[in-house]
C-alpha atoms as a PDB file:
ATOM      1  CA  MET A   1      17.388  34.483  64.581  1.00  0.00           C
ATOM      2  CA  GLU A   2      15.319  35.969  66.602  1.00  0.00           C
ATOM      3  CA  ARG A   3      13.634  37.130  63.321  1.00  0.00           C
ATOM      4  CA  VAL A   4      13.859  33.869  61.904  1.00  0.00           C
ATOM      5  CA  SER A   5      11.433  32.648  64.959  1.00  0.00           C
ATOM      6  CA  GLN A   6       8.966  35.560  64.501  1.00  0.00           C
ATOM      7  CA  LEU A   7       8.704  34.233  61.134  1.00  0.00           C
ATOM      8  CA  PHE A   8       7.857  30.695  61.784  1.00  0.00           C
ATOM      9  CA  SER A   9       5.840  31.356  64.167  1.00  0.00           C
ATOM     10  CA  GLY A  10       1.952  31.432  65.178  1.00  0.00           C
ATOM     11  CA  THR A  11      -0.501  32.455  62.047  1.00  0.00           C
ATOM     12  CA  ASP A  12       2.238  34.119  60.045  1.00  0.00           C
ATOM     13  CA  TRP A  13       4.218  31.035  58.844  1.00  0.00           C
ATOM     14  CA  MET A  14       0.363  29.455  57.837  1.00  0.00           C
ATOM     15  CA  ASP A  15      -0.429  32.426  56.524  1.00  0.00           C
ATOM     16  CA  ALA A  16       2.007  33.566  53.950  1.00  0.00           C
ATOM     17  CA  TYR A  17       3.241  29.732  53.493  1.00  0.00           C
ATOM     18  CA  LEU A  18       1.089  27.156  54.556  1.00  0.00           C
ATOM     19  CA  VAL A  19      -2.490  28.006  53.124  1.00  0.00           C
ATOM     20  CA  PRO A  20      -1.427  29.750  49.756  1.00  0.00           C
ATOM     21  CA  TRP A  21       1.116  26.338  48.983  1.00  0.00           C
ATOM     22  CA  GLY A  22      -1.792  24.407  50.344  1.00  0.00           C
ATOM     23  CA  ILE A  23      -3.925  25.842  48.157  1.00  0.00           C
ATOM     24  CA  ASN A  24      -2.091  25.745  45.229  1.00  0.00           C
ATOM     25  CA  ILE A  25      -1.253  22.018  45.894  1.00  0.00           C
ATOM     26  CA  VAL A  26      -4.958  21.336  46.020  1.00  0.00           C
ATOM     27  CA  LEU A  27      -5.778  23.004  42.814  1.00  0.00           C
ATOM     28  CA  ALA A  28      -3.044  21.482  40.905  1.00  0.00           C
ATOM     29  CA  VAL A  29      -4.182  17.965  42.047  1.00  0.00           C
ATOM     30  CA  ALA A  30      -7.767  18.858  41.502  1.00  0.00           C
ATOM     31  CA  THR A  31      -6.426  20.503  37.924  1.00  0.00           C
ATOM     32  CA  PHE A  32      -4.749  17.028  37.059  1.00  0.00           C
ATOM     33  CA  ILE A  33      -7.436  14.437  37.875  1.00  0.00           C
ATOM     34  CA  VAL A  34     -10.568  16.964  36.331  1.00  0.00           C
ATOM     35  CA  GLY A  35      -8.056  17.830  33.180  1.00  0.00           C
ATOM     36  CA  ARG A  36      -7.490  13.635  32.782  1.00  0.00           C
ATOM     37  CA  TRP A  37     -10.503  12.715  32.635  1.00  0.00           C
ATOM     38  CA  ILE A  38     -11.679  15.788  30.198  1.00  0.00           C
ATOM     39  CA  ALA A  39      -8.612  14.737  28.074  1.00  0.00           C
ATOM     40  CA  ARG A  40     -10.366  10.627  28.741  1.00  0.00           C
ATOM     41  CA  MET A  41     -14.315  11.585  27.412  1.00  0.00           C
ATOM     42  CA  ILE A  42     -12.587  13.941  24.127  1.00  0.00           C
ATOM     43  CA  THR A  43     -10.518  10.940  23.263  1.00  0.00           C
ATOM     44  CA  ARG A  44     -13.336   8.769  23.578  1.00  0.00           C
ATOM     45  CA  GLY A  45     -14.955  10.831  21.571  1.00  0.00           C
ATOM     46  CA  ILE A  46     -12.825  11.289  19.152  1.00  0.00           C
ATOM     47  CA  ARG A  47     -12.872   7.504  19.185  1.00  0.00           C
ATOM     48  CA  ARG A  48     -16.338   7.042  18.448  1.00  0.00           C
ATOM     49  CA  VAL A  49     -16.181   9.894  15.916  1.00  0.00           C
ATOM     50  CA  MET A  50     -13.435   8.216  13.847  1.00  0.00           C
ATOM     51  CA  GLU A  51     -15.153   4.849  14.207  1.00  0.00           C
ATOM     52  CA  ARG A  52     -18.643   6.093  12.774  1.00  0.00           C
ATOM     53  CA  THR A  53     -17.207   7.290   9.658  1.00  0.00           C
ATOM     54  CA  GLY A  54     -15.811   3.778   8.655  1.00  0.00           C
ATOM     55  CA  LEU A  55     -11.888   4.415  10.045  1.00  0.00           C
ATOM     56  CA  ASP A  56      -9.830   1.524  10.162  1.00  0.00           C
ATOM     57  CA  ALA A  57     -10.096   0.457  14.065  1.00  0.00           C
ATOM     58  CA  THR A  58      -6.442   0.084  13.978  1.00  0.00           C
ATOM     59  CA  LEU A  59      -5.584   3.818  13.323  1.00  0.00           C
ATOM     60  CA  ALA A  60      -8.809   5.289  15.159  1.00  0.00           C
ATOM     61  CA  ARG A  61      -6.868   3.375  18.642  1.00  0.00           C
ATOM     62  CA  PHE A  62      -3.367   4.795  17.725  1.00  0.00           C
ATOM     63  CA  LEU A  63      -4.820   8.124  16.966  1.00  0.00           C
ATOM     64  CA  GLY A  64      -6.743   8.227  20.797  1.00  0.00           C
ATOM     65  CA  ASN A  65      -3.588   7.293  22.112  1.00  0.00           C
ATOM     66  CA  ILE A  66      -1.864  10.308  20.193  1.00  0.00           C
ATOM     67  CA  ALA A  67      -4.482  12.619  21.631  1.00  0.00           C
ATOM     68  CA  TYR A  68      -4.409  11.481  24.855  1.00  0.00           C
ATOM     69  CA  THR A  69      -1.317  11.750  25.420  1.00  0.00           C
ATOM     70  CA  ALA A  70      -1.104  15.170  24.247  1.00  0.00           C
ATOM     71  CA  LEU A  71      -4.100  16.194  25.971  1.00  0.00           C
ATOM     72  CA  VAL A  72      -2.360  15.031  29.433  1.00  0.00           C
ATOM     73  CA  GLY A  73       0.815  16.848  28.840  1.00  0.00           C
ATOM     74  CA  VAL A  74      -1.751  19.898  28.029  1.00  0.00           C
ATOM     75  CA  VAL A  75      -3.219  18.763  31.569  1.00  0.00           C
ATOM     76  CA  ILE A  76       0.190  18.639  33.364  1.00  0.00           C
ATOM     77  CA  ILE A  77       1.241  21.997  32.680  1.00  0.00           C
ATOM     78  CA  ALA A  78      -1.734  23.403  33.361  1.00  0.00           C
ATOM     79  CA  SER A  79      -0.556  22.019  36.816  1.00  0.00           C
ATOM     80  CA  LEU A  80       1.946  22.922  36.689  1.00  0.00           C
ATOM     81  CA  ASN A  81       1.732  26.526  36.407  1.00  0.00           C
ATOM     82  CA  GLN A  82      -1.282  26.188  39.262  1.00  0.00           C
ATOM     83  CA  LEU A  83       2.123  25.546  41.734  1.00  0.00           C
ATOM     84  CA  GLY A  84       3.738  28.661  40.496  1.00  0.00           C
ATOM     85  CA  ILE A  85       6.713  26.638  38.706  1.00  0.00           C
ATOM     86  CA  ASP A  86       8.185  28.388  35.326  1.00  0.00           C
ATOM     87  CA  THR A  87       7.527  25.878  32.249  1.00  0.00           C
ATOM     88  CA  THR A  88       8.786  27.594  29.668  1.00  0.00           C
ATOM     89  CA  SER A  89      12.527  25.869  30.299  1.00  0.00           C
ATOM     90  CA  ILE A  90      10.118  22.932  30.098  1.00  0.00           C
ATOM     91  CA  LEU A  91       8.341  23.335  27.188  1.00  0.00           C
ATOM     92  CA  ALA A  92      11.758  24.369  25.883  1.00  0.00           C
ATOM     93  CA  VAL A  93      13.554  21.106  26.778  1.00  0.00           C
ATOM     94  CA  PHE A  94      10.741  19.292  25.704  1.00  0.00           C
ATOM     95  CA  ALA A  95      10.473  20.931  21.937  1.00  0.00           C
ATOM     96  CA  ALA A  96      14.086  19.710  21.586  1.00  0.00           C
ATOM     97  CA  ALA A  97      14.075  16.727  22.793  1.00  0.00           C
ATOM     98  CA  GLY A  98      10.592  16.431  20.097  1.00  0.00           C
ATOM     99  CA  LEU A  99      13.163  17.324  17.478  1.00  0.00           C
ATOM    100  CA  ALA A 100      15.690  15.349  18.118  1.00  0.00           C
ATOM    101  CA  VAL A 101      13.482  12.527  17.935  1.00  0.00           C
ATOM    102  CA  GLY A 102      11.545  13.605  14.956  1.00  0.00           C
ATOM    103  CA  LEU A 103      14.821  13.839  13.217  1.00  0.00           C
ATOM    104  CA  ALA A 104      15.888  10.427  14.447  1.00  0.00           C
ATOM    105  CA  LEU A 105      12.726   8.841  13.857  1.00  0.00           C
ATOM    106  CA  LYS A 106      11.563  10.428  10.162  1.00  0.00           C
ATOM    107  CA  ASP A 107      11.558   7.491   7.778  1.00  0.00           C
ATOM    108  CA  SER A 108       9.006   5.722  10.354  1.00  0.00           C
ATOM    109  CA  LEU A 109       7.406   8.798  10.816  1.00  0.00           C
ATOM    110  CA  SER A 110       7.242   9.021   6.806  1.00  0.00           C
ATOM    111  CA  ASN A 111       5.956   5.400   7.054  1.00  0.00           C
ATOM    112  CA  PHE A 112       3.149   6.899   9.788  1.00  0.00           C
ATOM    113  CA  ALA A 113       1.971   9.211   7.177  1.00  0.00           C
ATOM    114  CA  ALA A 114       1.910   6.832   4.114  1.00  0.00           C
ATOM    115  CA  GLY A 115      -0.479   4.590   6.394  1.00  0.00           C
ATOM    116  CA  VAL A 116      -2.457   6.802   7.127  1.00  0.00           C
ATOM    117  CA  MET A 117      -3.012   7.823   4.142  1.00  0.00           C
ATOM    118  CA  LEU A 118      -3.299   4.090   2.464  1.00  0.00           C
ATOM    119  CA  ILE A 119      -6.035   3.756   5.755  1.00  0.00           C
ATOM    120  CA  PHE A 120      -8.167   6.800   5.455  1.00  0.00           C
ATOM    121  CA  PHE A 121      -8.172   6.694   0.941  1.00  0.00           C
ATOM    122  CA  LYS A 122      -7.922   2.667   0.816  1.00  0.00           C
ATOM    123  CA  PRO A 123      -6.972   2.561  -2.811  1.00  0.00           C
ATOM    124  CA  PHE A 124      -6.457  -1.166  -1.768  1.00  0.00           C
ATOM    125  CA  LYS A 125      -8.283  -3.715   1.142  1.00  0.00           C
ATOM    126  CA  ALA A 126      -7.200  -6.488   2.667  1.00  0.00           C
ATOM    127  CA  GLY A 127      -7.811  -9.064   0.305  1.00  0.00           C
ATOM    128  CA  ASP A 128      -7.020  -7.403  -2.782  1.00  0.00           C
ATOM    129  CA  PHE A 129      -4.744  -8.494  -5.141  1.00  0.00           C
ATOM    130  CA  VAL A 130      -2.415  -5.013  -5.582  1.00  0.00           C
ATOM    131  CA  GLU A 131       0.754  -4.290  -8.141  1.00  0.00           C
ATOM    132  CA  ALA A 132       3.219  -1.602  -5.471  1.00  0.00           C
ATOM    133  CA  ALA A 133       6.881  -1.120  -4.633  1.00  0.00           C
ATOM    134  CA  GLY A 134       8.284  -3.751  -6.961  1.00  0.00           C
ATOM    135  CA  ILE A 135       5.754  -6.535  -4.956  1.00  0.00           C
ATOM    136  CA  ALA A 136       2.668  -8.916  -6.756  1.00  0.00           C
ATOM    137  CA  GLY A 137       0.627 -10.358  -3.943  1.00  0.00           C
ATOM    138  CA  VAL A 138      -2.470 -10.416  -2.030  1.00  0.00           C
ATOM    139  CA  VAL A 139      -2.749  -7.860   0.920  1.00  0.00           C
ATOM    140  CA  GLU A 140      -3.342  -9.642   4.041  1.00  0.00           C
ATOM    141  CA  GLU A 141      -2.472  -6.441   6.479  1.00  0.00           C
ATOM    142  CA  ILE A 142      -2.289  -2.994   6.400  1.00  0.00           C
ATOM    143  CA  GLY A 143      -0.652  -1.627   8.893  1.00  0.00           C
ATOM    144  CA  VAL A 144       0.244   1.876  10.957  1.00  0.00           C
ATOM    145  CA  PHE A 145       4.391   1.692   9.470  1.00  0.00           C
ATOM    146  CA  ASN A 146       3.795  -1.249   6.691  1.00  0.00           C
ATOM    147  CA  THR A 147       1.881  -3.549   4.934  1.00  0.00           C
ATOM    148  CA  THR A 148       1.851  -7.621   4.223  1.00  0.00           C
ATOM    149  CA  PHE A 149       1.928  -8.596   1.211  1.00  0.00           C
ATOM    150  CA  ARG A 150       1.291 -12.714   0.569  1.00  0.00           C
ATOM    151  CA  THR A 151       3.047 -13.280  -3.192  1.00  0.00           C
ATOM    152  CA  PRO A 152       1.019 -16.428  -5.091  1.00  0.00           C
ATOM    153  CA  ASP A 153       3.963 -18.628  -4.049  1.00  0.00           C
ATOM    154  CA  ASN A 154       2.970 -18.410  -0.932  1.00  0.00           C
ATOM    155  CA  ARG A 155       5.428 -16.068   0.449  1.00  0.00           C
ATOM    156  CA  GLU A 156       5.010 -13.190   3.389  1.00  0.00           C
ATOM    157  CA  ILE A 157       6.603  -9.481   1.934  1.00  0.00           C
ATOM    158  CA  ILE A 158       6.308  -6.415   4.939  1.00  0.00           C
ATOM    159  CA  VAL A 159       6.905  -3.261   2.865  1.00  0.00           C
ATOM    160  CA  PRO A 160       7.555  -0.077   4.134  1.00  0.00           C
ATOM    161  CA  ASN A 161       4.048   2.311   3.815  1.00  0.00           C
ATOM    162  CA  SER A 162       5.937   5.186   2.124  1.00  0.00           C
ATOM    163  CA  GLN A 163       7.452   2.738  -0.767  1.00  0.00           C
ATOM    164  CA  ILE A 164       3.744   1.988  -1.087  1.00  0.00           C
ATOM    165  CA  TYR A 165       2.413   5.513  -1.296  1.00  0.00           C
ATOM    166  CA  GLY A 166       5.270   6.823  -2.996  1.00  0.00           C
ATOM    167  CA  GLY A 167       4.964   5.267  -6.171  1.00  0.00           C
ATOM    168  CA  THR A 168       2.515   4.051  -8.394  1.00  0.00           C
ATOM    169  CA  ILE A 169      -0.235   1.160  -7.267  1.00  0.00           C
ATOM    170  CA  VAL A 170      -2.121  -1.051  -9.305  1.00  0.00           C
ATOM    171  CA  ASN A 171      -5.238  -2.969  -7.889  1.00  0.00           C
ATOM    172  CA  VAL A 172      -6.096  -5.459  -9.792  1.00  0.00           C
ATOM    173  CA  THR A 173      -9.253  -6.831  -8.254  1.00  0.00           C
ATOM    174  CA  ALA A 174     -10.224  -3.478  -7.222  1.00  0.00           C
ATOM    175  CA  ARG A 175     -13.391  -4.266 -10.422  1.00  0.00           C
ATOM    176  CA  GLU A 176     -15.723  -7.100 -10.159  1.00  0.00           C
ATOM    177  CA  THR A 177     -14.649  -7.620 -14.143  1.00  0.00           C
ATOM    178  CA  ARG A 178     -11.637  -7.405 -16.505  1.00  0.00           C
ATOM    179  CA  ARG A 179     -10.737  -7.786 -20.166  1.00  0.00           C
ATOM    180  CA  ILE A 180      -8.642 -10.736 -21.216  1.00  0.00           C
ATOM    181  CA  ASP A 181      -6.171  -9.380 -23.882  1.00  0.00           C
ATOM    182  CA  LEU A 182      -4.594 -12.197 -25.555  1.00  0.00           C
ATOM    183  CA  VAL A 183      -2.751 -12.286 -29.443  1.00  0.00           C
ATOM    184  CA  PHE A 184      -2.706 -15.036 -31.690  1.00  0.00           C
ATOM    185  CA  GLY A 185      -0.350 -14.983 -35.195  1.00  0.00           C
ATOM    186  CA  ILE A 186      -1.211 -16.830 -38.115  1.00  0.00           C
ATOM    187  CA  GLY A 187       0.765 -17.205 -41.081  1.00  0.00           C
ATOM    188  CA  TYR A 188       0.037 -15.307 -44.463  1.00  0.00           C
ATOM    189  CA  GLY A 189      -0.876 -17.992 -46.150  1.00  0.00           C
ATOM    190  CA  ASP A 190      -3.274 -18.947 -43.686  1.00  0.00           C
ATOM    191  CA  SER A 191      -7.461 -17.415 -43.745  1.00  0.00           C
ATOM    192  CA  ILE A 192      -7.874 -14.865 -41.850  1.00  0.00           C
ATOM    193  CA  GLU A 193     -11.958 -15.513 -41.820  1.00  0.00           C
ATOM    194  CA  ASP A 194     -11.325 -19.093 -40.299  1.00  0.00           C
ATOM    195  CA  ALA A 195      -9.293 -17.681 -37.502  1.00  0.00           C
ATOM    196  CA  LYS A 196     -11.206 -15.361 -37.342  1.00  0.00           C
ATOM    197  CA  ARG A 197     -14.457 -17.645 -36.413  1.00  0.00           C
ATOM    198  CA  VAL A 198     -12.031 -20.039 -34.443  1.00  0.00           C
ATOM    199  CA  LEU A 199     -11.587 -17.510 -31.751  1.00  0.00           C
ATOM    200  CA  ALA A 200     -15.094 -16.405 -31.605  1.00  0.00           C
ATOM    201  CA  ASP A 201     -16.408 -19.630 -31.398  1.00  0.00           C
ATOM    202  CA  ALA A 202     -13.677 -20.725 -28.329  1.00  0.00           C
ATOM    203  CA  MET A 203     -14.942 -17.690 -26.849  1.00  0.00           C
ATOM    204  CA  ALA A 204     -18.641 -18.776 -27.174  1.00  0.00           C
ATOM    205  CA  SER A 205     -18.085 -21.935 -26.226  1.00  0.00           C
ATOM    206  CA  ASP A 206     -16.592 -20.716 -22.342  1.00  0.00           C
ATOM    207  CA  SER A 207     -19.751 -19.778 -19.855  1.00  0.00           C
ATOM    208  CA  ARG A 208     -17.287 -18.058 -18.078  1.00  0.00           C
ATOM    209  CA  ILE A 209     -16.605 -15.582 -20.762  1.00  0.00           C
ATOM    210  CA  LEU A 210     -19.361 -12.612 -20.152  1.00  0.00           C
ATOM    211  CA  ALA A 211     -21.705 -11.811 -23.150  1.00  0.00           C
ATOM    212  CA  ASP A 212     -21.755  -8.218 -21.901  1.00  0.00           C
ATOM    213  CA  PRO A 213     -19.301  -6.580 -22.912  1.00  0.00           C
ATOM    214  CA  GLU A 214     -19.302  -8.331 -26.047  1.00  0.00           C
ATOM    215  CA  PRO A 215     -15.791 -10.434 -26.410  1.00  0.00           C
ATOM    216  CA  ALA A 216     -14.054  -9.115 -29.475  1.00  0.00           C
ATOM    217  CA  VAL A 217     -12.260 -10.342 -31.869  1.00  0.00           C
ATOM    218  CA  ALA A 218     -10.268  -8.096 -34.444  1.00  0.00           C
ATOM    219  CA  LEU A 219      -6.545  -7.863 -36.907  1.00  0.00           C
ATOM    220  CA  ILE A 220      -4.185  -5.512 -35.182  1.00  0.00           C
ATOM    221  CA  GLU A 221      -1.231  -5.836 -37.258  1.00  0.00           C
ATOM    222  CA  LEU A 222       0.449  -7.215 -40.111  1.00  0.00           C
ATOM    223  CA  ALA A 223       3.801  -7.815 -38.318  1.00  0.00           C
ATOM    224  CA  ASP A 224       7.207  -8.935 -40.146  1.00  0.00           C
ATOM    225  CA  ASN A 225       6.722 -12.566 -39.710  1.00  0.00           C
ATOM    226  CA  SER A 226       2.689 -13.359 -39.421  1.00  0.00           C
ATOM    227  CA  VAL A 227      -0.787 -11.905 -39.056  1.00  0.00           C
ATOM    228  CA  ASN A 228      -1.389 -10.626 -35.975  1.00  0.00           C
ATOM    229  CA  LEU A 229      -4.830 -11.468 -34.098  1.00  0.00           C
ATOM    230  CA  ALA A 230      -6.556 -10.020 -31.179  1.00  0.00           C
ATOM    231  CA  ALA A 231      -8.944 -12.066 -28.745  1.00  0.00           C
ATOM    232  CA  ARG A 232     -10.438  -9.638 -25.995  1.00  0.00           C
ATOM    233  CA  PRO A 233     -13.447 -11.049 -23.686  1.00  0.00           C
ATOM    234  CA  TRP A 234     -14.428  -9.963 -20.837  1.00  0.00           C
ATOM    235  CA  VAL A 235     -14.583 -12.475 -17.316  1.00  0.00           C
ATOM    236  CA  ASN A 236     -15.078 -11.870 -13.984  1.00  0.00           C
ATOM    237  CA  THR A 237     -12.240 -10.944 -12.072  1.00  0.00           C
ATOM    238  CA  ALA A 238     -11.486 -14.027  -9.911  1.00  0.00           C
ATOM    239  CA  ASP A 239     -11.897 -16.549 -13.506  1.00  0.00           C
ATOM    240  CA  TYR A 240      -9.340 -14.057 -15.099  1.00  0.00           C
ATOM    241  CA  TRP A 241      -6.483 -16.737 -15.155  1.00  0.00           C
ATOM    242  CA  ALA A 242      -8.248 -20.129 -15.567  1.00  0.00           C
ATOM    243  CA  VAL A 243      -9.957 -18.351 -18.568  1.00  0.00           C
ATOM    244  CA  ARG A 244      -6.886 -17.121 -19.894  1.00  0.00           C
ATOM    245  CA  GLY A 245      -5.083 -20.047 -19.557  1.00  0.00           C
ATOM    246  CA  ASP A 246      -8.138 -22.398 -20.981  1.00  0.00           C
ATOM    247  CA  LEU A 247      -8.880 -20.281 -24.040  1.00  0.00           C
ATOM    248  CA  MET A 248      -5.500 -20.402 -25.335  1.00  0.00           C
ATOM    249  CA  GLU A 249      -5.223 -24.381 -24.915  1.00  0.00           C
ATOM    250  CA  ARG A 250      -8.371 -24.152 -26.850  1.00  0.00           C
ATOM    251  CA  VAL A 251      -7.527 -21.726 -29.783  1.00  0.00           C
ATOM    252  CA  LYS A 252      -4.183 -23.676 -30.213  1.00  0.00           C
ATOM    253  CA  SER A 253      -6.214 -27.423 -30.408  1.00  0.00           C
ATOM    254  CA  ALA A 254      -8.445 -25.690 -32.685  1.00  0.00           C
ATOM    255  CA  PHE A 255      -6.282 -23.996 -34.934  1.00  0.00           C
ATOM    256  CA  ASP A 256      -4.325 -27.679 -35.300  1.00  0.00           C
ATOM    257  CA  ARG A 257      -7.459 -29.109 -35.979  1.00  0.00           C
ATOM    258  CA  GLN A 258      -7.718 -26.649 -38.964  1.00  0.00           C
ATOM    259  CA  GLY A 259      -5.014 -26.383 -40.139  1.00  0.00           C
ATOM    260  CA  ILE A 260      -3.940 -22.588 -39.204  1.00  0.00           C
ATOM    261  CA  SER A 261      -0.516 -22.415 -38.853  1.00  0.00           C
ATOM    262  CA  ILE A 262       1.517 -20.365 -35.309  1.00  0.00           C
ATOM    263  CA  PRO A 263       4.764 -19.073 -37.217  1.00  0.00           C
ATOM    264  CA  PHE A 264       7.074 -18.505 -34.927  1.00  0.00           C
ATOM    265  CA  PRO A 265      10.617 -17.452 -35.615  1.00  0.00           C
ATOM    266  CA  GLN A 266      12.943 -19.694 -37.719  1.00  0.00           C
ATOM    267  CA  ARG A 267      16.195 -19.854 -38.783  1.00  0.00           C
ATOM    268  CA  ASP A 268      18.005 -21.245 -42.008  1.00  0.00           C
ATOM    269  CA  VAL A 269      21.581 -22.274 -41.987  1.00  0.00           C
ATOM    270  CA  HIS A 270      23.693 -23.281 -44.837  1.00  0.00           C
ATOM    271  CA  LEU A 271      26.742 -24.725 -44.939  1.00  0.00           C
ATOM    272  CA  TYR A 272      29.504 -24.946 -47.945  1.00  0.00           C
ATOM    273  CA  HIS A 273      32.266 -27.211 -48.347  1.00  0.00           C
ATOM    274  CA  SER A 274      35.127 -25.504 -49.952  1.00  0.00           C
ATOM    275  CA  GLN A 275      37.484 -27.502 -51.805  1.00  0.00           C
ATOM    276  CA  GLU A 276      40.355 -25.033 -52.306  1.00  0.00           C
ATOM    277  CA  PRO A 277      43.816 -25.298 -50.393  1.00  0.00           C
ATOM    278  CA  VAL A 278      44.491 -23.403 -47.072  1.00  0.00           C
ATOM    279  CA  ARG A 279      46.699 -20.750 -47.490  1.00  0.00           C
ATOM    280  CA  THR A 280      49.031 -20.070 -44.613  1.00  0.00           C
ATOM    281  CA  LEU A 281      50.965 -16.532 -43.916  1.00  0.00           C
ATOM    282  CA  THR A 282      54.423 -16.337 -42.791  1.00  0.00           C
ATOM    283  CA  ALA A 283      55.282 -13.770 -41.165  1.00  0.00           C
ATOM    284  CA  SER A 284      59.763 -13.208 -41.814  1.00  0.00           C
ATOM    285  CA  ALA A 285      61.788 -11.214 -39.297  1.00  0.00           C
END
């Protein structure tokens, strides 16, 4: 009892416990405050660099938050070490927890990684008409985990990014111009020259069809039931569907006026009436 009283009496107790612990606590708090301030400055610098490089604002904020969280974690560990606390076991617990969370959220992490690649490499942007993951529509929004499409019939479809980036992506509106490929079949008794002239005149009469590259008309196949001619005009991408429909209608009307036939599959059925009596077979037991 006397030894305990001597231990905690006078300046010995202060020198042995209070002063060292007080210094460690002050240093730990200072480490945490200064470290968090440095982490905030580093995060701001990272965000500015990403924004200057043209990275998507949503992705820049998300990556900045991840960087800030990781830096604050380092600061907390440094502060605990300053207090003399062994952080090895804490790190082991966090590592095990991180592994478990990673396995549980592997699909989400895959979508996140694919979203980062989509935003960074930009195979398409908002407003493009894209065919991807079995979906064809206008890109409304590219998120970190999924992408939102608007289909031509005005449906909204949300697709996970991993399904998009893991497959073939067709960006229909990536180029300013687009070629229309149409095939018209005429009968073997019709004039190929007249049909080609009709196709050329139909394309020349539409101001939306570009002169450069020059529209092309060519015979591409002598099929079983028709002679197939190809019409290949170039248009601005925004005019593609309108010009395509108008051109088919104009060619059909011109073929009708010129007496040029468009063959279609037909089948002749011949019926014969037999005068012979129907014979019946009787099975004997």
